[in-house]
Structure formats: structure tokens, C-alpha cells
């Protein structure tokens, strides 16, 4: 009788252990999928950062050329005003 009770307790504990292992396996699967998702998001963020950096560089180049053209236009305008005031 005592041996049967012991076996029943051992069997109950083994059942609990198998349930716990199943829960741990599900948690592990969730963690793996979360890590994969984070890796994918990190890759996408890196790509977006590269695109933003390229856009910033292009904007800086364009705005630099625009500033030079604007200054040249002001110089020409000032020269025209000076010439007009001298001759008229």
C-alpha cells in the first residue's frame, strides 16, 4: 500500500514536471520569436537610418548650392543697383 502511494506521488510529480516542461517550451518559443522580430526591426531601423543619412547629405549639398546661387544673385543685384545709381 505504501509503495502504491509513493508511486502515485511520483507519477503525479512527473505529470506536473511534464506540464512545466511544456510551459517552458512555449515560453522558449515566444522568446525565440521575439528575438527574431527584434533582429528584423533592428535591421529595418539600420536601413532607415542609412536612408535618412543619405537624404540629409543630399539636402546639405542642394542647400549649399542654393545658398551660393542666392548670394551670387544678390551680388549681381547689388552691382546692378550700384551701376544704375552711378549712371543715372
N, C-alpha and C. Protein backbone atom coordinates (compact mmCIF):
# COMPACT_ATOMS: atom_id res chain seq x y z
N UNK A 1 0.82 -1.19 0.00
CA UNK A 1 0.00 0.00 0.00
C UNK A 1 0.87 1.27 0.00
N UNK A 2 1.89 1.27 0.82
CA UNK A 2 2.79 2.42 0.88
C UNK A 2 3.52 2.62 -0.45
N UNK A 3 3.90 1.53 -1.06
CA UNK A 3 4.60 1.61 -2.33
C UNK A 3 3.70 2.19 -3.41
N UNK A 4 2.42 1.80 -3.40
CA UNK A 4 1.48 2.35 -4.38
C UNK A 4 1.28 3.84 -4.18
N UNK A 5 1.21 4.28 -2.93
CA UNK A 5 1.07 5.71 -2.64
C UNK A 5 2.30 6.47 -3.13
N UNK A 6 3.45 5.89 -2.89
CA UNK A 6 4.68 6.52 -3.33
C UNK A 6 4.72 6.60 -4.86
N UNK A 7 4.34 5.51 -5.51
CA UNK A 7 4.29 5.53 -6.97
C UNK A 7 3.30 6.56 -7.48
N UNK A 8 2.15 6.68 -6.83
CA UNK A 8 1.15 7.67 -7.23
C UNK A 8 1.70 9.08 -7.08
N UNK A 9 2.41 9.34 -5.97
CA UNK A 9 3.01 10.66 -5.77
C UNK A 9 4.10 10.93 -6.81
N UNK A 10 4.90 9.92 -7.08
CA UNK A 10 5.94 10.07 -8.10
C UNK A 10 5.30 10.33 -9.46
N UNK A 11 4.25 9.59 -9.77
CA UNK A 11 3.56 9.78 -11.04
C UNK A 11 2.95 11.18 -11.13
N UNK A 12 2.36 11.65 -10.04
CA UNK A 12 1.78 12.99 -10.00
C UNK A 12 2.86 14.04 -10.22
N UNK A 13 4.00 13.86 -9.56
CA UNK A 13 5.10 14.81 -9.72
C UNK A 13 5.66 14.77 -11.13
N UNK A 14 5.73 13.61 -11.74
CA UNK A 14 6.18 13.51 -13.12
C UNK A 14 5.21 14.21 -14.07
N UNK A 15 3.91 14.07 -13.79
CA UNK A 15 2.91 14.78 -14.61
C UNK A 15 3.08 16.29 -14.48
N UNK A 16 3.28 16.76 -13.24
CA UNK A 16 3.50 18.19 -13.04
C UNK A 16 4.77 18.65 -13.74
N UNK A 17 5.79 17.82 -13.67
CA UNK A 17 7.06 18.15 -14.33
C UNK A 17 6.89 18.23 -15.84
N UNK A 18 6.14 17.29 -16.41
CA UNK A 18 5.93 17.33 -17.86
C UNK A 18 5.12 18.55 -18.27
N UNK A 19 4.14 18.95 -17.45
CA UNK A 19 3.38 20.18 -17.73
C UNK A 19 4.28 21.40 -17.65
N UNK A 20 5.15 21.43 -16.67
CA UNK A 20 6.07 22.55 -16.51
C UNK A 20 7.04 22.63 -17.69
N UNK A 21 7.53 21.49 -18.12
CA UNK A 21 8.44 21.47 -19.27
C UNK A 21 7.71 21.96 -20.52
N UNK A 22 6.45 21.59 -20.69
CA UNK A 22 5.68 22.06 -21.84
C UNK A 22 5.51 23.58 -21.79
N UNK A 23 5.24 24.12 -20.60
CA UNK A 23 5.10 25.56 -20.45
C UNK A 23 6.43 26.25 -20.76
N UNK A 24 7.52 25.69 -20.27
CA UNK A 24 8.84 26.26 -20.54
C UNK A 24 9.16 26.22 -22.04
N UNK A 25 8.76 25.17 -22.72
CA UNK A 25 8.99 25.08 -24.16
C UNK A 25 8.23 26.18 -24.89
N UNK A 26 6.97 26.44 -24.46
CA UNK A 26 6.19 27.52 -25.09
C UNK A 26 6.83 28.88 -24.83
N UNK A 27 7.32 29.08 -23.62
CA UNK A 27 7.98 30.34 -23.29
C UNK A 27 9.24 30.51 -24.13
N UNK A 28 9.98 29.42 -24.30
CA UNK A 28 11.19 29.47 -25.12
C UNK A 28 10.85 29.82 -26.57
N UNK A 29 9.79 29.26 -27.10
CA UNK A 29 9.37 29.58 -28.47
C UNK A 29 9.02 31.05 -28.59
N UNK A 30 8.32 31.59 -27.59
CA UNK A 30 7.97 33.01 -27.61
C UNK A 30 9.23 33.87 -27.58
N UNK A 31 10.18 33.50 -26.74
CA UNK A 31 11.42 34.27 -26.66
C UNK A 31 12.18 34.25 -27.98
N UNK A 32 12.25 33.08 -28.59
CA UNK A 32 12.95 32.97 -29.87
C UNK A 32 12.27 33.83 -30.93
N UNK A 33 10.94 33.79 -30.97
CA UNK A 33 10.23 34.59 -31.97
C UNK A 33 10.38 36.08 -31.67
N UNK A 34 10.40 36.44 -30.39
CA UNK A 34 10.61 37.85 -30.03
C UNK A 34 11.99 38.32 -30.46
N UNK A 35 13.00 37.49 -30.24
CA UNK A 35 14.36 37.86 -30.65
C UNK A 35 14.46 37.99 -32.17
N UNK A 36 13.82 37.09 -32.89
CA UNK A 36 13.84 37.19 -34.35
C UNK A 36 13.16 38.48 -34.81
N UNK A 37 12.04 38.81 -34.18
CA UNK A 37 11.32 40.04 -34.53
C UNK A 37 12.17 41.26 -34.22
N UNK A 38 12.83 41.26 -33.07
CA UNK A 38 13.70 42.39 -32.72
C UNK A 38 14.86 42.52 -33.71
N UNK A 39 15.43 41.40 -34.10
CA UNK A 39 16.52 41.45 -35.09
C UNK A 39 16.04 42.04 -36.40
N UNK A 40 14.82 41.65 -36.81
CA UNK A 40 14.26 42.19 -38.05
C UNK A 40 14.02 43.69 -37.94
N UNK A 41 13.49 44.13 -36.79
CA UNK A 41 13.25 45.56 -36.59
C UNK A 41 14.57 46.34 -36.54
N UNK A 42 15.59 45.76 -35.92
CA UNK A 42 16.89 46.43 -35.89
C UNK A 42 17.45 46.59 -37.30
N UNK A 43 17.30 45.56 -38.12
CA UNK A 43 17.78 45.64 -39.50
C UNK A 43 17.03 46.73 -40.25
N UNK A 44 15.71 46.77 -40.08
CA UNK A 44 14.93 47.80 -40.76
C UNK A 44 15.30 49.19 -40.27
N UNK A 45 15.54 49.35 -38.97
CA UNK A 45 15.95 50.65 -38.44
C UNK A 45 17.31 51.06 -39.00
N UNK A 46 18.22 50.10 -39.12
CA UNK A 46 19.52 50.42 -39.70
C UNK A 46 19.37 50.90 -41.14
N UNK A 47 18.51 50.23 -41.90
CA UNK A 47 18.28 50.65 -43.29
C UNK A 47 17.66 52.04 -43.34
N UNK A 48 16.69 52.30 -42.45
CA UNK A 48 16.06 53.62 -42.43
C UNK A 48 17.05 54.70 -42.02
N UNK A 49 17.92 54.40 -41.06
CA UNK A 49 18.94 55.37 -40.66
C UNK A 49 19.88 55.68 -41.82
N UNK A 50 20.24 54.67 -42.58
CA UNK A 50 21.09 54.88 -43.76
C UNK A 50 20.39 55.76 -44.79
N UNK A 51 19.11 55.50 -45.02
CA UNK A 51 18.35 56.33 -45.97
C UNK A 51 18.25 57.77 -45.49
N UNK A 52 18.02 57.95 -44.20
CA UNK A 52 17.92 59.31 -43.65
C UNK A 52 19.26 60.02 -43.79
N UNK A 53 20.34 59.32 -43.50
CA UNK A 53 21.67 59.92 -43.62
C UNK A 53 21.95 60.33 -45.07
N UNK A 54 21.57 59.48 -46.02
CA UNK A 54 21.75 59.82 -47.43
C UNK A 54 20.92 61.04 -47.82
N UNK A 55 19.67 61.10 -47.32
CA UNK A 55 18.81 62.24 -47.62
C UNK A 55 19.36 63.52 -47.02
N UNK A 56 19.89 63.42 -45.79
CA UNK A 56 20.48 64.60 -45.16
C UNK A 56 21.68 65.10 -45.95
N UNK A 57 22.50 64.19 -46.43
CA UNK A 57 23.68 64.57 -47.21
C UNK A 57 23.25 65.25 -48.51
N UNK A 58 22.27 64.68 -49.17
CA UNK A 58 21.78 65.26 -50.42
C UNK A 58 21.17 66.64 -50.18
N UNK A 59 20.42 66.77 -49.10
CA UNK A 59 19.81 68.07 -48.78
C UNK A 59 20.89 69.11 -48.48
N UNK A 60 21.94 68.71 -47.78
CA UNK A 60 23.02 69.64 -47.47
C UNK A 60 23.71 70.10 -48.75
N UNK A 61 23.93 69.16 -49.68
CA UNK A 61 24.56 69.54 -50.95
C UNK A 61 23.68 70.51 -51.73
N UNK A 62 22.39 70.21 -51.81
CA UNK A 62 21.47 71.05 -52.57
C UNK A 62 21.33 72.42 -51.92
N UNK A 63 21.21 72.44 -50.59
CA UNK A 63 21.05 73.74 -49.93
C UNK A 63 22.34 74.56 -50.04
N UNK A 64 23.50 73.91 -50.02
CA UNK A 64 24.76 74.63 -50.20
C UNK A 64 24.83 75.28 -51.56
N UNK A 65 24.44 74.55 -52.59
CA UNK A 65 24.43 75.11 -53.95
C UNK A 65 23.40 76.23 -54.05
N UNK A 66 22.28 76.06 -53.38
CA UNK A 66 21.24 77.08 -53.40
C UNK A 66 21.70 78.36 -52.73
N UNK A 67 22.43 78.21 -51.63
CA UNK A 67 22.93 79.40 -50.93
C UNK A 67 23.95 80.14 -51.79
N UNK A 68 24.80 79.40 -52.49
CA UNK A 68 25.78 80.03 -53.37
C UNK A 68 25.07 80.76 -54.50
N UNK A 69 24.07 80.15 -55.08
CA UNK A 69 23.33 80.80 -56.17
C UNK A 69 22.60 82.03 -55.66
N UNK A 70 22.03 81.96 -54.46
CA UNK A 70 21.33 83.11 -53.90
C UNK A 70 22.30 84.27 -53.65
N UNK A 71 23.45 83.97 -53.09
CA UNK A 71 24.44 85.02 -52.84
C UNK A 71 24.92 85.64 -54.16
N UNK A 72 25.13 84.79 -55.15
CA UNK A 72 25.54 85.31 -56.47
C UNK A 72 24.47 86.23 -57.03
N UNK A 73 23.21 85.87 -56.85
CA UNK A 73 22.12 86.71 -57.34
C UNK A 73 22.10 88.04 -56.60
N UNK A 74 22.33 88.04 -55.31
CA UNK A 74 22.38 89.28 -54.54
C UNK A 74 23.56 90.16 -54.97
N UNK A 75 24.70 89.53 -55.24
CA UNK A 75 25.86 90.29 -55.70
C UNK A 75 25.55 90.95 -57.04
N UNK A 76 24.95 90.20 -57.96
CA UNK A 76 24.59 90.75 -59.27
C UNK A 76 23.57 91.87 -59.09
N UNK A 77 22.59 91.67 -58.21
CA UNK A 77 21.57 92.69 -57.96
C UNK A 77 22.19 93.95 -57.38
N UNK A 78 23.09 93.78 -56.41
CA UNK A 78 23.75 94.94 -55.79
C UNK A 78 24.62 95.67 -56.82
N UNK A 79 25.29 94.91 -57.68
CA UNK A 79 26.11 95.53 -58.72
C UNK A 79 25.23 96.30 -59.70
N UNK A 80 24.08 95.75 -60.02
CA UNK A 80 23.16 96.43 -60.95
C UNK A 80 22.64 97.72 -60.32
N UNK A 81 22.31 97.67 -59.04
CA UNK A 81 21.83 98.87 -58.34
C UNK A 81 22.94 99.92 -58.28
N UNK A 82 24.15 99.48 -57.98
CA UNK A 82 25.29 100.41 -57.93
C UNK A 82 25.55 101.02 -59.29
N UNK A 83 25.51 100.21 -60.32
CA UNK A 83 25.73 100.72 -61.67
C UNK A 83 24.63 101.68 -62.07
N UNK A 84 23.39 101.35 -61.74
CA UNK A 84 22.26 102.21 -62.08
C UNK A 84 22.35 103.52 -61.33
N UNK A 85 22.76 103.51 -60.08
CA UNK A 85 22.85 104.76 -59.31
C UNK A 85 24.02 105.62 -59.78
N UNK A 86 25.07 105.01 -60.30
CA UNK A 86 26.21 105.77 -60.78
C UNK A 86 25.91 106.44 -62.11
N UNK A 87 25.20 105.73 -63.01
CA UNK A 87 24.96 106.28 -64.34
C UNK A 87 23.70 107.12 -64.42
N UNK A 88 22.79 106.98 -63.50
CA UNK A 88 21.54 107.74 -63.61
C UNK A 88 21.42 108.72 -62.54
